[in-house]
Amino acid sequence: MPDWLIEILRQFPMVVVIGLAIWYAEKRVREKEIRLEQGADKLRKDLQDREGRLRKETREDRDAELKRFQDSQKALTEKDHQLLKAKDDQIASLTTEVEKLRKEIGTLSKKLQG
């Protein structure tokens, strides 16, 4: 160490103590800042992971609900088609029956006229 530094240390010991205290406090503050930044980074990552999981669950729930809705709509559509087919069959049956009755009325009216 240079002589001038030793002389200053001998004459001003409080300056040395205060300097060391400031250095130590600054070191502690820097370490705490680093710990806080690491904690904030970890918290941010955890929140992003949680948000990703929640988004995935929400997407899955939405997709399941859409599938249930589509399935119910499909079932209703199939039921409507079955009802329409039954009505069409019934109309066809009634049409043939009306045709038979018309022919029968025609023959009966010929018998009555003749």
PDB file of N, CA and C in Angstrom:
ATOM      1  N   MET A   1       0.839  -1.176   0.000  1.00  0.00           N
ATOM      2  CA  MET A   1       0.000   0.000   0.000  1.00  0.00           C
ATOM      3  C   MET A   1       0.886   1.242   0.000  1.00  0.00           C
ATOM      4  N   PRO A   2       0.439   2.242  -0.666  1.00  0.00           N
ATOM      5  CA  PRO A   2       1.238   3.480  -0.684  1.00  0.00           C
ATOM      6  C   PRO A   2       1.241   4.151   0.701  1.00  0.00           C
ATOM      7  N   ASP A   3       2.299   4.882   0.942  1.00  0.00           N
ATOM      8  CA  ASP A   3       2.443   5.549   2.243  1.00  0.00           C
ATOM      9  C   ASP A   3       1.334   6.562   2.483  1.00  0.00           C
ATOM     10  N   TRP A   4       0.944   7.255   1.465  1.00  0.00           N
ATOM     11  CA  TRP A   4      -0.094   8.285   1.629  1.00  0.00           C
ATOM     12  C   TRP A   4      -1.422   7.668   2.058  1.00  0.00           C
ATOM     13  N   LEU A   5      -1.708   6.443   1.545  1.00  0.00           N
ATOM     14  CA  LEU A   5      -2.953   5.767   1.921  1.00  0.00           C
ATOM     15  C   LEU A   5      -2.892   5.318   3.384  1.00  0.00           C
ATOM     16  N   ILE A   6      -1.747   4.809   3.789  1.00  0.00           N
ATOM     17  CA  ILE A   6      -1.573   4.391   5.180  1.00  0.00           C
ATOM     18  C   ILE A   6      -1.708   5.593   6.105  1.00  0.00           C
ATOM     19  N   GLU A   7      -1.150   6.711   5.685  1.00  0.00           N
ATOM     20  CA  GLU A   7      -1.236   7.931   6.489  1.00  0.00           C
ATOM     21  C   GLU A   7      -2.688   8.389   6.631  1.00  0.00           C
ATOM     22  N   ILE A   8      -3.457   8.318   5.542  1.00  0.00           N
ATOM     23  CA  ILE A   8      -4.868   8.724   5.589  1.00  0.00           C
ATOM     24  C   ILE A   8      -5.642   7.778   6.498  1.00  0.00           C
ATOM     25  N   LEU A   9      -5.356   6.496   6.413  1.00  0.00           N
ATOM     26  CA  LEU A   9      -6.050   5.522   7.252  1.00  0.00           C
ATOM     27  C   LEU A   9      -5.742   5.749   8.733  1.00  0.00           C
ATOM     28  N   ARG A  10      -4.520   6.136   9.035  1.00  0.00           N
ATOM     29  CA  ARG A  10      -4.127   6.389  10.412  1.00  0.00           C
ATOM     30  C   ARG A  10      -4.803   7.654  10.954  1.00  0.00           C
ATOM     31  N   GLN A  11      -4.912   8.665  10.103  1.00  0.00           N
ATOM     32  CA  GLN A  11      -5.466   9.940  10.557  1.00  0.00           C
ATOM     33  C   GLN A  11      -6.993   9.939  10.581  1.00  0.00           C
ATOM     34  N   PHE A  12      -7.611   9.179   9.684  1.00  0.00           N
ATOM     35  CA  PHE A  12      -9.081   9.206   9.565  1.00  0.00           C
ATOM     36  C   PHE A  12      -9.674   7.790   9.645  1.00  0.00           C
ATOM     37  N   PRO A  13      -9.615   7.148  10.790  1.00  0.00           N
ATOM     38  CA  PRO A  13     -10.149   5.783  10.891  1.00  0.00           C
ATOM     39  C   PRO A  13     -11.668   5.720  10.698  1.00  0.00           C
ATOM     40  N   MET A  14     -12.371   6.796  11.049  1.00  0.00           N
ATOM     41  CA  MET A  14     -13.827   6.808  10.860  1.00  0.00           C
ATOM     42  C   MET A  14     -14.186   6.756   9.379  1.00  0.00           C
ATOM     43  N   VAL A  15     -13.374   7.398   8.557  1.00  0.00           N
ATOM     44  CA  VAL A  15     -13.621   7.370   7.112  1.00  0.00           C
ATOM     45  C   VAL A  15     -13.534   5.936   6.615  1.00  0.00           C
ATOM     46  N   VAL A  16     -12.588   5.197   7.128  1.00  0.00           N
ATOM     47  CA  VAL A  16     -12.418   3.804   6.728  1.00  0.00           C
ATOM     48  C   VAL A  16     -13.627   2.989   7.176  1.00  0.00           C
ATOM     49  N   VAL A  17     -14.047   3.179   8.418  1.00  0.00           N
ATOM     50  CA  VAL A  17     -15.181   2.424   8.942  1.00  0.00           C
ATOM     51  C   VAL A  17     -16.444   2.764   8.160  1.00  0.00           C
ATOM     52  N   ILE A  18     -16.665   4.053   7.928  1.00  0.00           N
ATOM     53  CA  ILE A  18     -17.846   4.476   7.165  1.00  0.00           C
ATOM     54  C   ILE A  18     -17.770   3.942   5.737  1.00  0.00           C
ATOM     55  N   GLY A  19     -16.594   3.999   5.142  1.00  0.00           N
ATOM     56  CA  GLY A  19     -16.420   3.472   3.778  1.00  0.00           C
ATOM     57  C   GLY A  19     -16.735   1.986   3.710  1.00  0.00           C
ATOM     58  N   LEU A  20     -16.230   1.231   4.699  1.00  0.00           N
ATOM     59  CA  LEU A  20     -16.525  -0.202   4.734  1.00  0.00           C
ATOM     60  C   LEU A  20     -18.019  -0.449   4.946  1.00  0.00           C
ATOM     61  N   ALA A  21     -18.646   0.348   5.805  1.00  0.00           N
ATOM     62  CA  ALA A  21     -20.084   0.186   6.049  1.00  0.00           C
ATOM     63  C   ALA A  21     -20.877   0.470   4.773  1.00  0.00           C
ATOM     64  N   ILE A  22     -20.489   1.517   4.064  1.00  0.00           N
ATOM     65  CA  ILE A  22     -21.176   1.851   2.804  1.00  0.00           C
ATOM     66  C   ILE A  22     -20.973   0.739   1.787  1.00  0.00           C
ATOM     67  N   TRP A  23     -19.738   0.254   1.683  1.00  0.00           N
ATOM     68  CA  TRP A  23     -19.458  -0.824   0.732  1.00  0.00           C
ATOM     69  C   TRP A  23     -20.283  -2.066   1.065  1.00  0.00           C
ATOM     70  N   TYR A  24     -20.340  -2.423   2.359  1.00  0.00           N
ATOM     71  CA  TYR A  24     -21.084  -3.612   2.775  1.00  0.00           C
ATOM     72  C   TYR A  24     -22.587  -3.432   2.529  1.00  0.00           C
ATOM     73  N   ALA A  25     -23.096  -2.252   2.839  1.00  0.00           N
ATOM     74  CA  ALA A  25     -24.526  -1.987   2.619  1.00  0.00           C
ATOM     75  C   ALA A  25     -24.857  -2.048   1.129  1.00  0.00           C
ATOM     76  N   GLU A  26     -23.999  -1.476   0.311  1.00  0.00           N
ATOM     77  CA  GLU A  26     -24.227  -1.504  -1.141  1.00  0.00           C
ATOM     78  C   GLU A  26     -24.194  -2.934  -1.666  1.00  0.00           C
ATOM     79  N   LYS A  27     -23.264  -3.723  -1.131  1.00  0.00           N
ATOM     80  CA  LYS A  27     -23.175  -5.131  -1.539  1.00  0.00           C
ATOM     81  C   LYS A  27     -24.456  -5.871  -1.163  1.00  0.00           C
ATOM     82  N   ARG A  28     -24.968  -5.648   0.036  1.00  0.00           N
ATOM     83  CA  ARG A  28     -26.203  -6.297   0.485  1.00  0.00           C
ATOM     84  C   ARG A  28     -27.391  -5.863  -0.372  1.00  0.00           C
ATOM     85  N   VAL A  29     -27.440  -4.579  -0.706  1.00  0.00           N
ATOM     86  CA  VAL A  29     -28.537  -4.069  -1.540  1.00  0.00           C
ATOM     87  C   VAL A  29     -28.493  -4.726  -2.912  1.00  0.00           C
ATOM     88  N   ARG A  30     -27.298  -4.821  -3.503  1.00  0.00           N
ATOM     89  CA  ARG A  30     -27.167  -5.476  -4.817  1.00  0.00           C
ATOM     90  C   ARG A  30     -27.611  -6.935  -4.750  1.00  0.00           C
ATOM     91  N   GLU A  31     -27.190  -7.647  -3.696  1.00  0.00           N
ATOM     92  CA  GLU A  31     -27.582  -9.052  -3.546  1.00  0.00           C
ATOM     93  C   GLU A  31     -29.096  -9.181  -3.400  1.00  0.00           C
ATOM     94  N   LYS A  32     -29.683  -8.265  -2.631  1.00  0.00           N
ATOM     95  CA  LYS A  32     -31.139  -8.310  -2.447  1.00  0.00           C
ATOM     96  C   LYS A  32     -31.852  -8.014  -3.766  1.00  0.00           C
ATOM     97  N   GLU A  33     -31.348  -7.052  -4.529  1.00  0.00           N
ATOM     98  CA  GLU A  33     -31.940  -6.753  -5.839  1.00  0.00           C
ATOM     99  C   GLU A  33     -31.887  -7.978  -6.743  1.00  0.00           C
ATOM    100  N   ILE A  34     -30.758  -8.671  -6.720  1.00  0.00           N
ATOM    101  CA  ILE A  34     -30.616  -9.874  -7.552  1.00  0.00           C
ATOM    102  C   ILE A  34     -31.617 -10.937  -7.105  1.00  0.00           C
ATOM    103  N   ARG A  35     -31.745 -11.138  -5.778  1.00  0.00           N
ATOM    104  CA  ARG A  35     -32.714 -12.120  -5.277  1.00  0.00           C
ATOM    105  C   ARG A  35     -34.139 -11.733  -5.670  1.00  0.00           C
ATOM    106  N   LEU A  36     -34.463 -10.447  -5.556  1.00  0.00           N
ATOM    107  CA  LEU A  36     -35.807  -9.988  -5.927  1.00  0.00           C
ATOM    108  C   LEU A  36     -36.073 -10.188  -7.418  1.00  0.00           C
ATOM    109  N   GLU A  37     -35.071  -9.894  -8.241  1.00  0.00           N
ATOM    110  CA  GLU A  37     -35.232 -10.104  -9.685  1.00  0.00           C
ATOM    111  C   GLU A  37     -35.434 -11.585  -9.998  1.00  0.00           C
ATOM    112  N   GLN A  38     -34.665 -12.442  -9.329  1.00  0.00           N
ATOM    113  CA  GLN A  38     -34.827 -13.880  -9.549  1.00  0.00           C
ATOM    114  C   GLN A  38     -36.206 -14.341  -9.094  1.00  0.00           C
ATOM    115  N   GLY A  39     -36.651 -13.832  -7.947  1.00  0.00           N
ATOM    116  CA  GLY A  39     -37.991 -14.178  -7.461  1.00  0.00           C
ATOM    117  C   GLY A  39     -39.072 -13.697  -8.419  1.00  0.00           C
ATOM    118  N   ALA A  40     -38.898 -12.474  -8.941  1.00  0.00           N
ATOM    119  CA  ALA A  40     -39.878 -11.939  -9.891  1.00  0.00           C
ATOM    120  C   ALA A  40     -39.886 -12.765 -11.174  1.00  0.00           C
ATOM    121  N   ASP A  41     -38.701 -13.157 -11.639  1.00  0.00           N
ATOM    122  CA  ASP A  41     -38.631 -13.992 -12.845  1.00  0.00           C
ATOM    123  C   ASP A  41     -39.320 -15.336 -12.622  1.00  0.00           C
ATOM    124  N   LYS A  42     -39.084 -15.934 -11.457  1.00  0.00           N
ATOM    125  CA  LYS A  42     -39.716 -17.222 -11.149  1.00  0.00           C
ATOM    126  C   LYS A  42     -41.231 -17.058 -11.061  1.00  0.00           C
ATOM    127  N   LEU A  43     -41.670 -16.001 -10.402  1.00  0.00           N
ATOM    128  CA  LEU A  43     -43.104 -15.739 -10.277  1.00  0.00           C
ATOM    129  C   LEU A  43     -43.734 -15.516 -11.653  1.00  0.00           C
ATOM    130  N   ARG A  44     -43.061 -14.750 -12.506  1.00  0.00           N
ATOM    131  CA  ARG A  44     -43.558 -14.494 -13.857  1.00  0.00           C
ATOM    132  C   ARG A  44     -43.675 -15.801 -14.644  1.00  0.00           C
ATOM    133  N   LYS A  45     -42.641 -16.656 -14.522  1.00  0.00           N
ATOM    134  CA  LYS A  45     -42.673 -17.938 -15.229  1.00  0.00           C
ATOM    135  C   LYS A  45     -43.810 -18.815 -14.705  1.00  0.00           C
ATOM    136  N   ASP A  46     -43.970 -18.856 -13.373  1.00  0.00           N
ATOM    137  CA  ASP A  46     -45.057 -19.647 -12.781  1.00  0.00           C
ATOM    138  C   ASP A  46     -46.419 -19.145 -13.255  1.00  0.00           C
ATOM    139  N   LEU A  47     -46.574 -17.826 -13.297  1.00  0.00           N
ATOM    140  CA  LEU A  47     -47.842 -17.255 -13.758  1.00  0.00           C
ATOM    141  C   LEU A  47     -48.103 -17.580 -15.227  1.00  0.00           C
ATOM    142  N   GLN A  48     -47.055 -17.522 -16.044  1.00  0.00           N
ATOM    143  CA  GLN A  48     -47.218 -17.865 -17.459  1.00  0.00           C
ATOM    144  C   GLN A  48     -47.593 -19.334 -17.612  1.00  0.00           C
ATOM    145  N   ASP A  49     -46.956 -20.203 -16.827  1.00  0.00           N
ATOM    146  CA  ASP A  49     -47.297 -21.629 -16.877  1.00  0.00           C
ATOM    147  C   ASP A  49     -48.743 -21.855 -16.453  1.00  0.00           C
ATOM    148  N   ARG A  50     -49.141 -21.184 -15.374  1.00  0.00           N
ATOM    149  CA  ARG A  50     -50.521 -21.326 -14.887  1.00  0.00           C
ATOM    150  C   ARG A  50     -51.513 -20.811 -15.929  1.00  0.00           C
ATOM    151  N   GLU A  51     -51.181 -19.669 -16.529  1.00  0.00           N
ATOM    152  CA  GLU A  51     -52.061 -19.119 -17.565  1.00  0.00           C
ATOM    153  C   GLU A  51     -52.168 -20.082 -18.746  1.00  0.00           C
ATOM    154  N   GLY A  52     -51.044 -20.691 -19.122  1.00  0.00           N
ATOM    155  CA  GLY A  52     -51.061 -21.668 -20.207  1.00  0.00           C
ATOM    156  C   GLY A  52     -51.940 -22.864 -19.876  1.00  0.00           C
ATOM    157  N   ARG A  53     -51.825 -23.360 -18.633  1.00  0.00           N
ATOM    158  CA  ARG A  53     -52.673 -24.487 -18.219  1.00  0.00           C
ATOM    159  C   ARG A  53     -54.147 -24.097 -18.241  1.00  0.00           C
ATOM    160  N   LEU A  54     -54.453 -22.913 -17.721  1.00  0.00           N
ATOM    161  CA  LEU A  54     -55.846 -22.463 -17.699  1.00  0.00           C
ATOM    162  C   LEU A  54     -56.392 -22.283 -19.114  1.00  0.00           C
ATOM    163  N   ARG A  55     -55.569 -21.729 -20.000  1.00  0.00           N
ATOM    164  CA  ARG A  55     -56.002 -21.576 -21.397  1.00  0.00           C
ATOM    165  C   ARG A  55     -56.285 -22.936 -22.024  1.00  0.00           C
ATOM    166  N   LYS A  56     -55.397 -23.902 -21.749  1.00  0.00           N
ATOM    167  CA  LYS A  56     -55.572 -25.239 -22.308  1.00  0.00           C
ATOM    168  C   LYS A  56     -56.857 -25.878 -21.778  1.00  0.00           C
ATOM    169  N   GLU A  57     -57.080 -25.766 -20.454  1.00  0.00           N
ATOM    170  CA  GLU A  57     -58.298 -26.333 -19.869  1.00  0.00           C
ATOM    171  C   GLU A  57     -59.538 -25.658 -20.443  1.00  0.00           C
ATOM    172  N   THR A  58     -59.476 -24.336 -20.591  1.00  0.00           N
ATOM    173  CA  THR A  58     -60.614 -23.600 -21.150  1.00  0.00           C
ATOM    174  C   THR A  58     -60.881 -24.044 -22.580  1.00  0.00           C
ATOM    175  N   ARG A  59     -59.803 -24.191 -23.356  1.00  0.00           N
ATOM    176  CA  ARG A  59     -59.949 -24.645 -24.743  1.00  0.00           C
ATOM    177  C   ARG A  59     -60.576 -26.034 -24.789  1.00  0.00           C
ATOM    178  N   GLU A  60     -60.092 -26.935 -23.911  1.00  0.00           N
ATOM    179  CA  GLU A  60     -60.642 -28.295 -23.879  1.00  0.00           C
ATOM    180  C   GLU A  60     -62.115 -28.284 -23.483  1.00  0.00           C
ATOM    181  N   ASP A  61     -62.460 -27.473 -22.480  1.00  0.00           N
ATOM    182  CA  ASP A  61     -63.866 -27.373 -22.061  1.00  0.00           C
ATOM    183  C   ASP A  61     -64.734 -26.837 -23.191  1.00  0.00           C
ATOM    184  N   ARG A  62     -64.240 -25.801 -23.872  1.00  0.00           N
ATOM    185  CA  ARG A  62     -64.995 -25.218 -24.980  1.00  0.00           C
ATOM    186  C   ARG A  62     -65.186 -26.239 -26.096  1.00  0.00           C
ATOM    187  N   ASP A  63     -64.111 -26.951 -26.431  1.00  0.00           N
ATOM    188  CA  ASP A  63     -64.208 -27.958 -27.491  1.00  0.00           C
ATOM    189  C   ASP A  63     -65.181 -29.073 -27.108  1.00  0.00           C
ATOM    190  N   ALA A  64     -65.140 -29.494 -25.838  1.00  0.00           N
ATOM    191  CA  ALA A  64     -66.064 -30.540 -25.384  1.00  0.00           C
ATOM    192  C   ALA A  64     -67.507 -30.046 -25.454  1.00  0.00           C
ATOM    193  N   GLU A  65     -67.729 -28.796 -25.061  1.00  0.00           N
ATOM    194  CA  GLU A  65     -69.081 -28.231 -25.112  1.00  0.00           C
ATOM    195  C   GLU A  65     -69.566 -28.128 -26.563  1.00  0.00           C
ATOM    196  N   LEU A  66     -68.677 -27.700 -27.458  1.00  0.00           N
ATOM    197  CA  LEU A  66     -69.045 -27.635 -28.879  1.00  0.00           C
ATOM    198  C   LEU A  66     -69.389 -29.022 -29.414  1.00  0.00           C
ATOM    199  N   LYS A  67     -68.600 -30.023 -29.030  1.00  0.00           N
ATOM    200  CA  LYS A  67     -68.870 -31.386 -29.497  1.00  0.00           C
ATOM    201  C   LYS A  67     -70.216 -31.873 -28.977  1.00  0.00           C
ATOM    202  N   ARG A  68     -70.503 -31.624 -27.686  1.00  0.00           N
ATOM    203  CA  ARG A  68     -71.807 -32.017 -27.134  1.00  0.00           C
ATOM    204  C   ARG A  68     -72.944 -31.324 -27.882  1.00  0.00           C
ATOM    205  N   PHE A  69     -72.774 -30.045 -28.158  1.00  0.00           N
ATOM    206  CA  PHE A  69     -73.807 -29.301 -28.877  1.00  0.00           C
ATOM    207  C   PHE A  69     -73.996 -29.867 -30.284  1.00  0.00           C
ATOM    208  N   GLN A  70     -72.884 -30.127 -30.977  1.00  0.00           N
ATOM    209  CA  GLN A  70     -72.975 -30.679 -32.331  1.00  0.00           C
ATOM    210  C   GLN A  70     -73.633 -32.054 -32.310  1.00  0.00           C
ATOM    211  N   ASP A  71     -73.273 -32.869 -31.326  1.00  0.00           N
ATOM    212  CA  ASP A  71     -73.893 -34.197 -31.221  1.00  0.00           C
ATOM    213  C   ASP A  71     -75.391 -34.092 -30.970  1.00  0.00           C
ATOM    214  N   SER A  72     -75.782 -33.170 -30.093  1.00  0.00           N
ATOM    215  CA  SER A  72     -77.219 -33.016 -29.820  1.00  0.00           C
ATOM    216  C   SER A  72     -77.941 -32.489 -31.057  1.00  0.00           C
ATOM    217  N   GLN A  73     -77.309 -31.557 -31.774  1.00  0.00           N
ATOM    218  CA  GLN A  73     -77.910 -31.043 -33.008  1.00  0.00           C
ATOM    219  C   GLN A  73     -78.037 -32.162 -34.044  1.00  0.00           C
ATOM    220  N   LYS A  74     -77.011 -33.008 -34.121  1.00  0.00           N
ATOM    221  CA  LYS A  74     -77.037 -34.117 -35.069  1.00  0.00           C
ATOM    222  C   LYS A  74     -78.172 -35.081 -34.714  1.00  0.00           C
ATOM    223  N   ALA A  75     -78.318 -35.362 -33.415  1.00  0.00           N
ATOM    224  CA  ALA A  75     -79.391 -36.262 -32.975  1.00  0.00           C
ATOM    225  C   ALA A  75     -80.756 -35.663 -33.308  1.00  0.00           C
ATOM    226  N   LEU A  76     -80.912 -34.356 -33.072  1.00  0.00           N
ATOM    227  CA  LEU A  76     -82.183 -33.697 -33.399  1.00  0.00           C
ATOM    228  C   LEU A  76     -82.449 -33.734 -34.904  1.00  0.00           C
ATOM    229  N   THR A  77     -81.420 -33.502 -35.690  1.00  0.00           N
ATOM    230  CA  THR A  77     -81.570 -33.525 -37.146  1.00  0.00           C
ATOM    231  C   THR A  77     -81.970 -34.917 -37.618  1.00  0.00           C
ATOM    232  N   GLU A  78     -81.315 -35.942 -37.065  1.00  0.00           N
ATOM    233  CA  GLU A  78     -81.666 -37.313 -37.443  1.00  0.00           C
ATOM    234  C   GLU A  78     -83.107 -37.632 -37.053  1.00  0.00           C
ATOM    235  N   LYS A  79     -83.512 -37.189 -35.874  1.00  0.00           N
ATOM    236  CA  LYS A  79     -84.883 -37.416 -35.428  1.00  0.00           C
ATOM    237  C   LYS A  79     -85.867 -36.703 -36.361  1.00  0.00           C
ATOM    238  N   ASP A  80     -85.548 -35.467 -36.749  1.00  0.00           N
ATOM    239  CA  ASP A  80     -86.407 -34.728 -37.682  1.00  0.00           C
ATOM    240  C   ASP A  80     -86.499 -35.446 -39.028  1.00  0.00           C
ATOM    241  N   HIS A  81     -85.364 -35.969 -39.504  1.00  0.00           N
ATOM    242  CA  HIS A  81     -85.374 -36.702 -40.779  1.00  0.00           C
ATOM    243  C   HIS A  81     -86.237 -37.959 -40.670  1.00  0.00           C
ATOM    244  N   GLN A  82     -86.154 -38.642 -39.539  1.00  0.00           N
ATOM    245  CA  GLN A  82     -86.984 -39.833 -39.348  1.00  0.00           C
ATOM    246  C   GLN A  82     -88.466 -39.466 -39.338  1.00  0.00           C
ATOM    247  N   LEU A  83     -88.797 -38.363 -38.649  1.00  0.00           N
ATOM    248  CA  LEU A  83     -90.192 -37.917 -38.633  1.00  0.00           C
ATOM    249  C   LEU A  83     -90.666 -37.539 -40.037  1.00  0.00           C
ATOM    250  N   LEU A  84     -89.813 -36.829 -40.776  1.00  0.00           N
ATOM    251  CA  LEU A  84     -90.172 -36.454 -42.147  1.00  0.00           C
ATOM    252  C   LEU A  84     -90.360 -37.683 -43.019  1.00  0.00           C
ATOM    253  N   LYS A  85     -89.486 -38.676 -42.860  1.00  0.00           N
ATOM    254  CA  LYS A  85     -89.616 -39.902 -43.651  1.00  0.00           C
ATOM    255  C   LYS A  85     -90.915 -40.621 -43.295  1.00  0.00           C
ATOM    256  N   ALA A  86     -91.236 -40.669 -41.992  1.00  0.00           N
ATOM    257  CA  ALA A  86     -92.485 -41.310 -41.570  1.00  0.00           C
ATOM    258  C   ALA A  86     -93.683 -40.572 -42.156  1.00  0.00           C
ATOM    259  N   LYS A  87     -93.641 -39.243 -42.137  1.00  0.00           N
ATOM    260  CA  LYS A  87     -94.739 -38.451 -42.713  1.00  0.00           C
ATOM    261  C   LYS A  87     -94.825 -38.671 -44.224  1.00  0.00           C
ATOM    262  N   ASP A  88     -93.666 -38.724 -44.896  1.00  0.00           N
ATOM    263  CA  ASP A  88     -93.662 -38.989 -46.343  1.00  0.00           C
ATOM    264  C   ASP A  88     -94.266 -40.357 -46.640  1.00  0.00           C
ATOM    265  N   ASP A  89     -93.897 -41.366 -45.840  1.00  0.00           N
ATOM    266  CA  ASP A  89     -94.457 -42.707 -46.025  1.00  0.00           C
ATOM    267  C   ASP A  89     -95.968 -42.690 -45.787  1.00  0.00           C
ATOM    268  N   GLN A  90     -96.371 -41.951 -44.760  1.00  0.00           N
ATOM    269  CA  GLN A  90     -97.796 -41.851 -44.453  1.00  0.00           C
ATOM    270  C   GLN A  90     -98.542 -41.153 -45.599  1.00  0.00           C
ATOM    271  N   ILE A  91     -97.959 -40.086 -46.140  1.00  0.00           N
ATOM    272  CA  ILE A  91     -98.584 -39.369 -47.266  1.00  0.00           C
ATOM    273  C   ILE A  91     -98.673 -40.281 -48.481  1.00  0.00           C
ATOM    274  N   ALA A  92     -97.596 -41.038 -48.741  1.00  0.00           N
ATOM    275  CA  ALA A  92     -97.611 -41.958 -49.880  1.00  0.00           C
ATOM    276  C   ALA A  92     -98.687 -43.020 -49.687  1.00  0.00           C
ATOM    277  N   SER A  93     -98.796 -43.538 -48.469  1.00  0.00           N
ATOM    278  CA  SER A  93     -99.812 -44.546 -48.171  1.00  0.00           C
ATOM    279  C   SER A  93    -101.213 -43.969 -48.352  1.00  0.00           C
ATOM    280  N   LEU A  94    -101.428 -42.764 -47.842  1.00  0.00           N
ATOM    281  CA  LEU A  94    -102.742 -42.119 -47.990  1.00  0.00           C
ATOM    282  C   LEU A  94    -103.050 -41.810 -49.453  1.00  0.00           C
ATOM    283  N   THR A  95    -102.031 -41.432 -50.205  1.00  0.00           N
ATOM    284  CA  THR A  95    -102.235 -41.143 -51.631  1.00  0.00           C
ATOM    285  C   THR A  95    -102.684 -42.397 -52.361  1.00  0.00           C
ATOM    286  N   THR A  96    -102.030 -43.535 -52.075  1.00  0.00           N
ATOM    287  CA  THR A  96    -102.448 -44.793 -52.722  1.00  0.00           C
ATOM    288  C   THR A  96    -103.854 -45.181 -52.278  1.00  0.00           C
ATOM    289  N   GLU A  97    -104.152 -44.974 -51.021  1.00  0.00           N
ATOM    290  CA  GLU A  97    -105.485 -45.303 -50.529  1.00  0.00           C
ATOM    291  C   GLU A  97    -106.540 -44.407 -51.177  1.00  0.00           C
ATOM    292  N   VAL A  98    -106.221 -43.114 -51.323  1.00  0.00           N
ATOM    293  CA  VAL A  98    -107.150 -42.185 -52.002  1.00  0.00           C
ATOM    294  C   VAL A  98    -107.347 -42.612 -53.448  1.00  0.00           C
ATOM    295  N   GLU A  99    -106.275 -43.052 -54.094  1.00  0.00           N
ATOM    296  CA  GLU A  99    -106.365 -43.517 -55.490  1.00  0.00           C
ATOM    297  C   GLU A  99    -107.276 -44.736 -55.580  1.00  0.00           C
ATOM    298  N   LYS A 100    -107.118 -45.673 -54.648  1.00  0.00           N
ATOM    299  CA  LYS A 100    -107.983 -46.864 -54.628  1.00  0.00           C
ATOM    300  C   LYS A 100    -109.443 -46.463 -54.416  1.00  0.00           C
ATOM    301  N   LEU A 101    -109.638 -45.518 -53.465  1.00  0.00           N
ATOM    302  CA  LEU A 101    -111.006 -45.065 -53.191  1.00  0.00           C
ATOM    303  C   LEU A 101    -111.606 -44.355 -54.406  1.00  0.00           C
ATOM    304  N   ARG A 102    -110.834 -43.605 -55.128  1.00  0.00           N
ATOM    305  CA  ARG A 102    -111.322 -42.926 -56.329  1.00  0.00           C
ATOM    306  C   ARG A 102    -111.762 -43.947 -57.378  1.00  0.00           C
ATOM    307  N   LYS A 103    -110.924 -44.982 -57.544  1.00  0.00           N
ATOM    308  CA  LYS A 103    -111.295 -46.028 -58.506  1.00  0.00           C
ATOM    309  C   LYS A 103    -112.573 -46.734 -58.063  1.00  0.00           C
ATOM    310  N   GLU A 104    -112.660 -47.000 -56.760  1.00  0.00           N
ATOM    311  CA  GLU A 104    -113.840 -47.677 -56.239  1.00  0.00           C
ATOM    312  C   GLU A 104    -115.085 -46.803 -56.408  1.00  0.00           C
ATOM    313  N   ILE A 105    -114.920 -45.492 -56.161  1.00  0.00           N
ATOM    314  CA  ILE A 105    -116.042 -44.559 -56.363  1.00  0.00           C
ATOM    315  C   ILE A 105    -116.426 -44.528 -57.837  1.00  0.00           C
ATOM    316  N   GLY A 106    -115.418 -44.561 -58.691  1.00  0.00           N
ATOM    317  CA  GLY A 106    -115.691 -44.582 -60.139  1.00  0.00           C
ATOM    318  C   GLY A 106    -116.481 -45.814 -60.531  1.00  0.00           C
ATOM    319  N   THR A 107    -116.084 -46.977 -60.032  1.00  0.00           N
ATOM    320  CA  THR A 107    -116.825 -48.209 -60.354  1.00  0.00           C
ATOM    321  C   THR A 107    -118.218 -48.186 -59.752  1.00  0.00           C
ATOM    322  N   LEU A 108    -118.348 -47.700 -58.536  1.00  0.00           N
ATOM    323  CA  LEU A 108    -119.668 -47.629 -57.913  1.00  0.00           C
ATOM    324  C   LEU A 108    -120.580 -46.652 -58.654  1.00  0.00           C
ATOM    325  N   SER A 109    -120.027 -45.536 -59.081  1.00  0.00           N
ATOM    326  CA  SER A 109    -120.867 -44.574 -59.815  1.00  0.00           C
ATOM    327  C   SER A 109    -121.267 -45.143 -61.176  1.00  0.00           C
ATOM    328  N   LYS A 110    -120.409 -45.966 -61.815  1.00  0.00           N
ATOM    329  CA  LYS A 110    -120.784 -46.610 -63.085  1.00  0.00           C
ATOM    330  C   LYS A 110    -121.895 -47.625 -62.851  1.00  0.00           C
ATOM    331  N   LYS A 111    -121.796 -48.349 -61.732  1.00  0.00           N
ATOM    332  CA  LYS A 111    -122.832 -49.333 -61.413  1.00  0.00           C
ATOM    333  C   LYS A 111    -124.157 -48.634 -61.156  1.00  0.00           C
ATOM    334  N   LEU A 112    -124.093 -47.496 -60.456  1.00  0.00           N
ATOM    335  CA  LEU A 112    -125.320 -46.759 -60.165  1.00  0.00           C
ATOM    336  C   LEU A 112    -125.928 -46.165 -61.442  1.00  0.00           C
ATOM    337  N   GLN A 113    -125.118 -45.775 -62.377  1.00  0.00           N
ATOM    338  CA  GLN A 113    -125.607 -45.175 -63.624  1.00  0.00           C
ATOM    339  C   GLN A 113    -126.104 -46.251 -64.573  1.00  0.00           C
ATOM    340  N   GLY A 114    -125.553 -47.348 -64.440  1.00  0.00           N
ATOM    341  CA  GLY A 114    -125.772 -48.302 -65.460  1.00  0.00           C
ATOM    342  C   GLY A 114    -126.661 -49.402 -65.288  1.00  0.00           C
TER     343      GLY A 114
END
